[in-house]
C-alpha atoms as a PDB file:
ATOM      1  CA  MET A   1     -42.873  17.103  -5.226  1.00  0.00           C
ATOM      2  CA  ASN A   2     -40.602  17.995  -8.139  1.00  0.00           C
ATOM      3  CA  ARG A   3     -40.108  21.673  -8.872  1.00  0.00           C
ATOM      4  CA  GLU A   4     -38.665  23.714 -11.688  1.00  0.00           C
ATOM      5  CA  PRO A   5     -34.909  24.207 -10.995  1.00  0.00           C
ATOM      6  CA  VAL A   6     -33.911  27.811 -10.335  1.00  0.00           C
ATOM      7  CA  LEU A   7     -30.109  27.632  -9.953  1.00  0.00           C
ATOM      8  CA  THR A   8     -27.773  28.427 -12.837  1.00  0.00           C
ATOM      9  CA  LYS A   9     -24.114  27.742 -13.565  1.00  0.00           C
ATOM     10  CA  LYS A  10     -23.315  31.314 -12.509  1.00  0.00           C
ATOM     11  CA  ASP A  11     -24.945  30.696  -9.128  1.00  0.00           C
ATOM     12  CA  CYS A  12     -22.912  27.512  -8.596  1.00  0.00           C
ATOM     13  CA  VAL A  13     -19.634  29.226  -9.523  1.00  0.00           C
ATOM     14  CA  LYS A  14     -20.362  32.033  -7.052  1.00  0.00           C
ATOM     15  CA  GLY A  15     -21.184  29.470  -4.364  1.00  0.00           C
ATOM     16  CA  ALA A  16     -17.961  27.586  -5.077  1.00  0.00           C
ATOM     17  CA  CYS A  17     -15.929  30.790  -4.762  1.00  0.00           C
ATOM     18  CA  ARG A  18     -17.616  31.701  -1.475  1.00  0.00           C
ATOM     19  CA  TRP A  19     -16.986  28.200  -0.132  1.00  0.00           C
ATOM     20  CA  SER A  20     -13.334  28.200  -1.245  1.00  0.00           C
ATOM     21  CA  LEU A  21     -12.706  31.511   0.534  1.00  0.00           C
ATOM     22  CA  MET A  22     -14.170  30.344   3.844  1.00  0.00           C
ATOM     23  CA  ALA A  23     -13.496  26.599   3.878  1.00  0.00           C
ATOM     24  CA  VAL A  24     -11.604  25.674   7.085  1.00  0.00           C
ATOM     25  CA  THR A  25     -11.463  29.384   8.029  1.00  0.00           C
ATOM     26  CA  THR A  26     -14.677  29.047  10.075  1.00  0.00           C
ATOM     27  CA  PHE A  27     -13.812  25.553  11.292  1.00  0.00           C
ATOM     28  CA  ASN A  28     -15.025  24.490  14.737  1.00  0.00           C
ATOM     29  CA  TYR A  29     -14.841  21.252  16.725  1.00  0.00           C
ATOM     30  CA  ASP A  30     -18.591  20.818  16.972  1.00  0.00           C
ATOM     31  CA  THR A  31     -19.777  20.959  13.357  1.00  0.00           C
ATOM     32  CA  GLN A  32     -16.344  21.125  11.639  1.00  0.00           C
ATOM     33  CA  LEU A  33     -16.888  22.758   8.199  1.00  0.00           C
ATOM     34  CA  ALA A  34     -20.639  23.356   8.507  1.00  0.00           C
ATOM     35  CA  PRO A  35     -20.415  27.167   9.046  1.00  0.00           C
ATOM     36  CA  ALA A  36     -18.372  27.503   5.866  1.00  0.00           C
ATOM     37  CA  VAL A  37     -20.958  25.406   4.023  1.00  0.00           C
ATOM     38  CA  VAL A  38     -23.748  27.741   5.101  1.00  0.00           C
ATOM     39  CA  PHE A  39     -21.704  30.786   4.123  1.00  0.00           C
ATOM     40  CA  GLY A  40     -20.865  29.283   0.741  1.00  0.00           C
ATOM     41  CA  ILE A  41     -24.287  28.102  -0.381  1.00  0.00           C
ATOM     42  CA  GLY A  42     -26.481  30.404   1.725  1.00  0.00           C
ATOM     43  CA  PRO A  43     -27.383  32.716  -1.195  1.00  0.00           C
ATOM     44  CA  LEU A  44     -28.147  29.665  -3.380  1.00  0.00           C
ATOM     45  CA  LEU A  45     -30.445  28.245  -0.722  1.00  0.00           C
ATOM     46  CA  ARG A  46     -32.212  31.586  -0.506  1.00  0.00           C
ATOM     47  CA  LYS A  47     -32.895  31.411  -4.219  1.00  0.00           C
ATOM     48  CA  ILE A  48     -34.275  27.886  -3.824  1.00  0.00           C
ATOM     49  CA  TYR A  49     -36.357  28.760  -0.749  1.00  0.00           C
ATOM     50  CA  PRO A  50     -38.079  32.158  -1.038  1.00  0.00           C
ATOM     51  CA  ASP A  51     -40.189  31.213   1.986  1.00  0.00           C
ATOM     52  CA  ASP A  52     -38.441  32.367   5.177  1.00  0.00           C
ATOM     53  CA  ASP A  53     -39.378  29.331   7.282  1.00  0.00           C
ATOM     54  CA  GLU A  54     -38.148  26.860   4.679  1.00  0.00           C
ATOM     55  CA  TYR A  55     -34.975  28.883   4.192  1.00  0.00           C
ATOM     56  CA  VAL A  56     -34.176  28.846   7.917  1.00  0.00           C
ATOM     57  CA  GLU A  57     -34.918  25.122   8.100  1.00  0.00           C
ATOM     58  CA  ALA A  58     -32.569  24.473   5.166  1.00  0.00           C
ATOM     59  CA  LEU A  59     -29.812  26.556   6.757  1.00  0.00           C
ATOM     60  CA  ASN A  60     -30.144  24.692  10.051  1.00  0.00           C
ATOM     61  CA  ASN A  61     -29.989  21.413   8.152  1.00  0.00           C
ATOM     62  CA  HIS A  62     -26.651  22.419   6.613  1.00  0.00           C
ATOM     63  CA  PHE A  63     -25.348  23.608   9.985  1.00  0.00           C
ATOM     64  CA  ARG A  64     -25.060  19.955  10.979  1.00  0.00           C
ATOM     65  CA  TYR A  65     -21.725  18.129  11.071  1.00  0.00           C
ATOM     66  CA  PHE A  66     -19.801  18.126   7.793  1.00  0.00           C
ATOM     67  CA  ASN A  67     -16.127  17.403   7.211  1.00  0.00           C
ATOM     68  CA  THR A  68     -14.312  16.412   4.027  1.00  0.00           C
ATOM     69  CA  HIS A  69     -11.456  17.606   1.838  1.00  0.00           C
ATOM     70  CA  PRO A  70     -12.305  21.275   1.114  1.00  0.00           C
ATOM     71  CA  TRP A  71     -11.216  21.126  -2.531  1.00  0.00           C
ATOM     72  CA  VAL A  72     -13.636  18.357  -3.497  1.00  0.00           C
ATOM     73  CA  ALA A  73     -16.434  19.347  -1.110  1.00  0.00           C
ATOM     74  CA  ASN A  74     -17.991  21.366  -3.934  1.00  0.00           C
ATOM     75  CA  LEU A  75     -18.977  18.092  -5.613  1.00  0.00           C
ATOM     76  CA  VAL A  76     -20.989  17.052  -2.550  1.00  0.00           C
ATOM     77  CA  LEU A  77     -22.545  20.476  -2.086  1.00  0.00           C
ATOM     78  CA  GLY A  78     -23.462  20.669  -5.760  1.00  0.00           C
ATOM     79  CA  ALA A  79     -25.211  17.282  -5.569  1.00  0.00           C
ATOM     80  CA  THR A  80     -27.206  18.337  -2.490  1.00  0.00           C
ATOM     81  CA  LEU A  81     -28.192  21.623  -4.125  1.00  0.00           C
ATOM     82  CA  ALA A  82     -29.475  19.722  -7.161  1.00  0.00           C
ATOM     83  CA  LEU A  83     -31.634  17.582  -4.883  1.00  0.00           C
ATOM     84  CA  GLU A  84     -33.020  20.560  -2.964  1.00  0.00           C
ATOM     85  CA  ASP A  85     -33.600  22.520  -6.149  1.00  0.00           C
ATOM     86  CA  LYS A  86     -35.676  19.625  -7.457  1.00  0.00           C
ATOM     87  CA  GLU A  87     -37.572  18.437  -4.376  1.00  0.00           C
ATOM     88  CA  GLY A  88     -37.460  21.342  -1.934  1.00  0.00           C
ATOM     89  CA  ILE A  89     -37.339  21.116   1.852  1.00  0.00           C
ATOM     90  CA  SER A  90     -38.814  17.603   1.770  1.00  0.00           C
ATOM     91  CA  ALA A  91     -35.349  16.403   0.701  1.00  0.00           C
ATOM     92  CA  ALA A  92     -33.690  17.542   3.967  1.00  0.00           C
ATOM     93  CA  ASP A  93     -33.029  14.006   5.202  1.00  0.00           C
ATOM     94  CA  ALA A  94     -31.795  12.872   1.798  1.00  0.00           C
ATOM     95  CA  VAL A  95     -29.401  15.852   1.743  1.00  0.00           C
ATOM     96  CA  GLN A  96     -27.834  14.714   5.001  1.00  0.00           C
ATOM     97  CA  ASN A  97     -27.604  11.135   3.753  1.00  0.00           C
ATOM     98  CA  ILE A  98     -25.713  12.281   0.651  1.00  0.00           C
ATOM     99  CA  LYS A  99     -23.313  14.435   2.654  1.00  0.00           C
ATOM    100  CA  VAL A 100     -22.601  11.725   5.223  1.00  0.00           C
ATOM    101  CA  SER A 101     -22.115   8.983   2.632  1.00  0.00           C
ATOM    102  CA  LEU A 102     -19.821  10.991   0.334  1.00  0.00           C
ATOM    103  CA  MET A 103     -17.746  13.138   2.661  1.00  0.00           C
ATOM    104  CA  GLY A 104     -15.649  10.182   3.920  1.00  0.00           C
ATOM    105  CA  PRO A 105     -14.639   8.652   0.552  1.00  0.00           C
ATOM    106  CA  LEU A 106     -14.006  12.069  -0.994  1.00  0.00           C
ATOM    107  CA  ALA A 107     -11.872  13.073   1.995  1.00  0.00           C
ATOM    108  CA  GLY A 108      -9.656  10.047   1.421  1.00  0.00           C
ATOM    109  CA  ILE A 109      -9.345  10.763  -2.277  1.00  0.00           C
ATOM    110  CA  GLY A 110      -8.714  14.482  -1.784  1.00  0.00           C
ATOM    111  CA  ASP A 111      -6.153  14.028   0.987  1.00  0.00           C
ATOM    112  CA  THR A 112      -4.252  11.416  -1.014  1.00  0.00           C
ATOM    113  CA  LEU A 113      -4.270  13.024  -4.444  1.00  0.00           C
ATOM    114  CA  ILE A 114      -4.487  16.756  -3.780  1.00  0.00           C
ATOM    115  CA  TRP A 115      -2.688  17.302  -0.482  1.00  0.00           C
ATOM    116  CA  THR A 116      -0.085  14.536  -0.706  1.00  0.00           C
ATOM    117  CA  LEU A 117       0.716  13.158  -4.147  1.00  0.00           C
ATOM    118  CA  LEU A 118       0.268  16.113  -6.506  1.00  0.00           C
ATOM    119  CA  PRO A 119       2.223  18.638  -4.381  1.00  0.00           C
ATOM    120  CA  THR A 120       4.939  16.042  -3.821  1.00  0.00           C
ATOM    121  CA  ILE A 121       5.285  15.148  -7.487  1.00  0.00           C
ATOM    122  CA  LEU A 122       4.804  18.553  -9.109  1.00  0.00           C
ATOM    123  CA  GLY A 123       6.530  20.464  -6.307  1.00  0.00           C
ATOM    124  CA  SER A 124       9.527  18.149  -6.438  1.00  0.00           C
ATOM    125  CA  ILE A 125       9.845  18.493 -10.205  1.00  0.00           C
ATOM    126  CA  ALA A 126       9.470  22.282  -9.996  1.00  0.00           C
ATOM    127  CA  GLY A 127      11.940  22.496  -7.091  1.00  0.00           C
ATOM    128  CA  TYR A 128      14.534  20.384  -8.882  1.00  0.00           C
ATOM    129  CA  MET A 129      14.256  22.534 -12.017  1.00  0.00           C
ATOM    130  CA  ALA A 130      14.627  25.670  -9.890  1.00  0.00           C
ATOM    131  CA  LEU A 131      17.777  24.260  -8.242  1.00  0.00           C
ATOM    132  CA  GLU A 132      19.188  23.712 -11.723  1.00  0.00           C
ATOM    133  CA  GLY A 133      18.568  27.394 -12.510  1.00  0.00           C
ATOM    134  CA  ASN A 134      15.607  26.703 -14.783  1.00  0.00           C
ATOM    135  CA  PRO A 135      12.792  29.272 -14.232  1.00  0.00           C
ATOM    136  CA  VAL A 136      10.297  26.891 -15.848  1.00  0.00           C
ATOM    137  CA  GLY A 137      10.022  25.114 -12.475  1.00  0.00           C
ATOM    138  CA  THR A 138       8.607  28.197 -10.771  1.00  0.00           C
ATOM    139  CA  ILE A 139       6.284  28.918 -13.691  1.00  0.00           C
ATOM    140  CA  LEU A 140       5.096  25.297 -13.660  1.00  0.00           C
ATOM    141  CA  TRP A 141       4.239  25.462  -9.968  1.00  0.00           C
ATOM    142  CA  LEU A 142       2.348  28.760 -10.374  1.00  0.00           C
ATOM    143  CA  LEU A 143       0.403  27.475 -13.387  1.00  0.00           C
ATOM    144  CA  THR A 144      -0.480  24.307 -11.470  1.00  0.00           C
ATOM    145  CA  ASN A 145      -2.027  26.330  -8.663  1.00  0.00           C
ATOM    146  CA  VAL A 146      -3.903  28.541 -11.116  1.00  0.00           C
ATOM    147  CA  PHE A 147      -5.274  25.377 -12.731  1.00  0.00           C
ATOM    148  CA  PHE A 148      -6.411  24.029  -9.361  1.00  0.00           C
ATOM    149  CA  ILE A 149      -8.181  27.304  -8.548  1.00  0.00           C
ATOM    150  CA  ALA A 150      -9.980  27.223 -11.904  1.00  0.00           C
ATOM    151  CA  VAL A 151     -11.093  23.625 -11.337  1.00  0.00           C
ATOM    152  CA  ARG A 152     -12.360  24.343  -7.838  1.00  0.00           C
ATOM    153  CA  THR A 153     -14.665  27.085  -9.113  1.00  0.00           C
ATOM    154  CA  GLN A 154     -16.334  24.602 -11.483  1.00  0.00           C
ATOM    155  CA  LEU A 155     -16.756  21.578  -9.223  1.00  0.00           C
ATOM    156  CA  MET A 156     -19.999  22.759  -7.586  1.00  0.00           C
ATOM    157  CA  TRP A 157     -21.586  23.129 -11.015  1.00  0.00           C
ATOM    158  CA  VAL A 158     -20.308  19.673 -11.991  1.00  0.00           C
ATOM    159  CA  GLY A 159     -21.809  18.205  -8.821  1.00  0.00           C
ATOM    160  CA  TYR A 160     -25.076  20.067  -9.412  1.00  0.00           C
ATOM    161  CA  ARG A 161     -25.296  18.978 -13.047  1.00  0.00           C
ATOM    162  CA  GLU A 162     -24.304  15.337 -12.559  1.00  0.00           C
ATOM    163  CA  GLY A 163     -25.542  14.757  -9.018  1.00  0.00           C
ATOM    164  CA  THR A 164     -24.528  11.484  -7.373  1.00  0.00           C
ATOM    165  CA  LYS A 165     -24.146   9.867 -10.813  1.00  0.00           C
ATOM    166  CA  LEU A 166     -20.662  11.401 -11.015  1.00  0.00           C
ATOM    167  CA  ILE A 167     -19.413   9.477  -7.990  1.00  0.00           C
ATOM    168  CA  THR A 168     -21.101   6.263  -9.119  1.00  0.00           C
ATOM    169  CA  LYS A 169     -19.704   6.563 -12.654  1.00  0.00           C
ATOM    170  CA  PHE A 170     -16.090   7.241 -11.723  1.00  0.00           C
ATOM    171  CA  GLY A 171     -15.905   5.595  -8.288  1.00  0.00           C
ATOM    172  CA  GLY A 172     -14.156   2.453  -9.554  1.00  0.00           C
ATOM    173  CA  LYS A 173     -11.637   4.361 -11.642  1.00  0.00           C
ATOM    174  CA  ILE A 174     -10.658   6.729  -8.830  1.00  0.00           C
ATOM    175  CA  ALA A 175      -8.991   3.899  -6.887  1.00  0.00           C
ATOM    176  CA  GLN A 176      -6.928   2.976  -9.945  1.00  0.00           C
ATOM    177  CA  ILE A 177      -5.878   6.586 -10.460  1.00  0.00           C
ATOM    178  CA  THR A 178      -4.888   6.864  -6.801  1.00  0.00           C
ATOM    179  CA  ASP A 179      -2.754   3.699  -6.980  1.00  0.00           C
ATOM    180  CA  ALA A 180      -1.025   4.873 -10.163  1.00  0.00           C
ATOM    181  CA  ALA A 181      -0.327   8.296  -8.670  1.00  0.00           C
ATOM    182  CA  SER A 182       1.081   6.640  -5.536  1.00  0.00           C
ATOM    183  CA  VAL A 183       3.566   4.635  -7.600  1.00  0.00           C
ATOM    184  CA  LEU A 184       4.576   7.744  -9.569  1.00  0.00           C
ATOM    185  CA  GLY A 185       4.970   9.757  -6.366  1.00  0.00           C
ATOM    186  CA  LEU A 186       7.212   7.154  -4.747  1.00  0.00           C
ATOM    187  CA  THR A 187       9.326   6.969  -7.906  1.00  0.00           C
ATOM    188  CA  VAL A 188       9.794  10.739  -8.008  1.00  0.00           C
ATOM    189  CA  VAL A 189      10.618  10.980  -4.304  1.00  0.00           C
ATOM    190  CA  GLY A 190      13.074   8.086  -4.579  1.00  0.00           C
ATOM    191  CA  ALA A 191      14.865   9.712  -7.517  1.00  0.00           C
ATOM    192  CA  LEU A 192      15.028  13.076  -5.750  1.00  0.00           C
ATOM    193  CA  ALA A 193      16.455  11.505  -2.597  1.00  0.00           C
ATOM    194  CA  ALA A 194      19.447  10.293  -4.599  1.00  0.00           C
ATOM    195  CA  THR A 195      19.956  13.375  -6.785  1.00  0.00           C
ATOM    196  CA  VAL A 196      18.998  16.426  -4.724  1.00  0.00           C
ATOM    197  CA  VAL A 197      20.242  15.369  -1.259  1.00  0.00           C
ATOM    198  CA  THR A 198      24.032  15.596  -1.620  1.00  0.00           C
ATOM    199  CA  ALA A 199      25.509  14.053   1.522  1.00  0.00           C
ATOM    200  CA  LYS A 200      29.120  12.948   0.934  1.00  0.00           C
ATOM    201  CA  THR A 201      32.036  11.794   3.048  1.00  0.00           C
ATOM    202  CA  PRO A 202      35.784  12.270   2.337  1.00  0.00           C
ATOM    203  CA  LEU A 203      36.743   9.289   4.522  1.00  0.00           C
ATOM    204  CA  THR A 204      38.793   6.530   2.920  1.00  0.00           C
ATOM    205  CA  PHE A 205      39.054   2.816   3.571  1.00  0.00           C
ATOM    206  CA  GLN A 206      42.500   1.210   3.342  1.00  0.00           C
ATOM    207  CA  MET A 207      43.355  -2.496   3.321  1.00  0.00           C
ATOM    208  CA  GLY A 208      46.943  -3.306   2.461  1.00  0.00           C
ATOM    209  CA  ALA A 209      47.877  -1.524  -0.759  1.00  0.00           C
ATOM    210  CA  VAL A 210      44.252  -0.856  -1.620  1.00  0.00           C
ATOM    211  CA  ASN A 211      42.964   2.622  -0.761  1.00  0.00           C
ATOM    212  CA  MET A 212      39.273   3.137  -1.522  1.00  0.00           C
ATOM    213  CA  ALA A 213      36.995   6.039  -0.764  1.00  0.00           C
ATOM    214  CA  LEU A 214      34.298   5.072   1.723  1.00  0.00           C
ATOM    215  CA  ALA A 215      31.662   6.839  -0.378  1.00  0.00           C
ATOM    216  CA  ASP A 216      32.550   4.682  -3.413  1.00  0.00           C
ATOM    217  CA  LEU A 217      32.398   1.536  -1.300  1.00  0.00           C
ATOM    218  CA  LEU A 218      28.960   2.428   0.031  1.00  0.00           C
ATOM    219  CA  ASP A 219      27.740   3.312  -3.462  1.00  0.00           C
ATOM    220  CA  LYS A 220      28.688  -0.161  -4.653  1.00  0.00           C
ATOM    221  CA  ILE A 221      26.430  -1.616  -1.961  1.00  0.00           C
ATOM    222  CA  LEU A 222      23.590   0.850  -2.620  1.00  0.00           C
ATOM    223  CA  PRO A 223      23.872   3.818  -5.006  1.00  0.00           C
ATOM    224  CA  SER A 224      23.755   7.135  -3.105  1.00  0.00           C
ATOM    225  CA  MET A 225      23.547   5.225   0.179  1.00  0.00           C
ATOM    226  CA  ILE A 226      24.476   8.226   2.349  1.00  0.00           C
ATOM    227  CA  SER A 227      21.821  10.416   0.731  1.00  0.00           C
ATOM    228  CA  VAL A 228      19.170   7.708   1.056  1.00  0.00           C
ATOM    229  CA  LEU A 229      20.053   7.067   4.720  1.00  0.00           C
ATOM    230  CA  THR A 230      19.893  10.805   5.388  1.00  0.00           C
ATOM    231  CA  VAL A 231      16.380  11.022   3.929  1.00  0.00           C
ATOM    232  CA  TRP A 232      15.341   7.919   5.879  1.00  0.00           C
ATOM    233  CA  ALA A 233      16.633   9.388   9.168  1.00  0.00           C
ATOM    234  CA  LEU A 234      14.838  12.687   8.570  1.00  0.00           C
ATOM    235  CA  TYR A 235      11.641  10.826   7.682  1.00  0.00           C
ATOM    236  CA  LYS A 236      11.822   8.949  10.975  1.00  0.00           C
ATOM    237  CA  LEU A 237      12.388  12.180  12.879  1.00  0.00           C
ATOM    238  CA  ILE A 238       9.348  13.826  11.279  1.00  0.00           C
ATOM    239  CA  GLY A 239       7.218  10.896  12.416  1.00  0.00           C
ATOM    240  CA  ARG A 240       8.212  11.295  16.058  1.00  0.00           C
ATOM    241  CA  LYS A 241       5.646  12.830  18.354  1.00  0.00           C
ATOM    242  CA  GLY A 242       6.380  16.449  19.243  1.00  0.00           C
ATOM    243  CA  MET A 243       9.108  16.824  16.616  1.00  0.00           C
ATOM    244  CA  LYS A 244       8.825  20.043  14.615  1.00  0.00           C
ATOM    245  CA  VAL A 245      10.221  20.769  11.161  1.00  0.00           C
ATOM    246  CA  THR A 246      12.116  23.801  12.453  1.00  0.00           C
ATOM    247  CA  THR A 247      13.747  21.623  15.105  1.00  0.00           C
ATOM    248  CA  ILE A 248      14.815  19.115  12.459  1.00  0.00           C
ATOM    249  CA  ILE A 249      16.313  21.896  10.321  1.00  0.00           C
ATOM    250  CA  LEU A 250      18.357  23.128  13.262  1.00  0.00           C
ATOM    251  CA  LEU A 251      19.494  19.580  14.036  1.00  0.00           C
ATOM    252  CA  VAL A 252      20.594  19.087  10.423  1.00  0.00           C
ATOM    253  CA  ILE A 253      22.592  22.338  10.491  1.00  0.00           C
ATOM    254  CA  LEU A 254      24.246  21.459  13.808  1.00  0.00           C
ATOM    255  CA  PHE A 255      24.984  17.875  12.723  1.00  0.00           C
ATOM    256  CA  SER A 256      26.468  19.064   9.419  1.00  0.00           C
ATOM    257  CA  MET A 257      28.722  21.591  11.143  1.00  0.00           C
ATOM    258  CA  VAL A 258      30.031  19.023  13.635  1.00  0.00           C
ATOM    259  CA  CYS A 259      30.637  16.347  10.967  1.00  0.00           C
ATOM    260  CA  SER A 260      32.319  18.892   8.699  1.00  0.00           C
ATOM    261  CA  ALA A 261      34.613  20.074  11.497  1.00  0.00           C
ATOM    262  CA  PHE A 262      35.764  16.497  12.164  1.00  0.00           C
ATOM    263  CA  GLY A 263      36.107  15.678   8.462  1.00  0.00           C
ATOM    264  CA  ILE A 264      33.311  13.114   8.489  1.00  0.00           C
ATOM    265  CA  LEU A 265      31.197  14.874   5.878  1.00  0.00           C
ATOM    266  CA  ALA A 266      32.369  16.954   2.951  1.00  0.00           C
END
């Protein structure tokens, strides 16, 4: 039975803030992010269900398994709140169906765009500007994070207002955006590998009267070959099981010292 909605935008923003503070913090291997969900939207559910029995039943329903990218989870939670606010406890099964059907696709989108591509692209640009002595890089990175925080506080309201129509409407375009961002990210990383990683060798190659620097010879085969090979080797090391970033840093320092001592690297 349809009911008169009781949640407001202010309620959804508060729920989004509560969720953002506790997402992953209360993670467990049984229900994953479910405890954080209950903490985040608990007060909103109480407003929807003034009856104690219905409130407890709704809480237990949200204590079931839930796992997706925490930044976009507010969209799913907002859509489920809209359903419960409209139909009450009778929508418990539908709430679970929405969460199960959306948490997988949104996890893929969030992991790709938010935790991989955007930090890589924007962080690389900001880091390169900082290396050049330009403070705009640091300001850019800070403003980017402030923007993300502001967006996260609004997503639950967007999900509540639009419901599942939001995913249906933009589902086809999201894949295109992801592909475009992937191409941009690879381009940025490729450019940074050649410009920021400065691995050089003073060795020379002599044949008869011709004396050519080895670095120039390699650059004619592939521009910035040494830098690119260095990035490729480090990438392979990161992918090895049990290899830690701190270990790789120490290996790079040790390798650089040895090669410098023998005149292999400059």
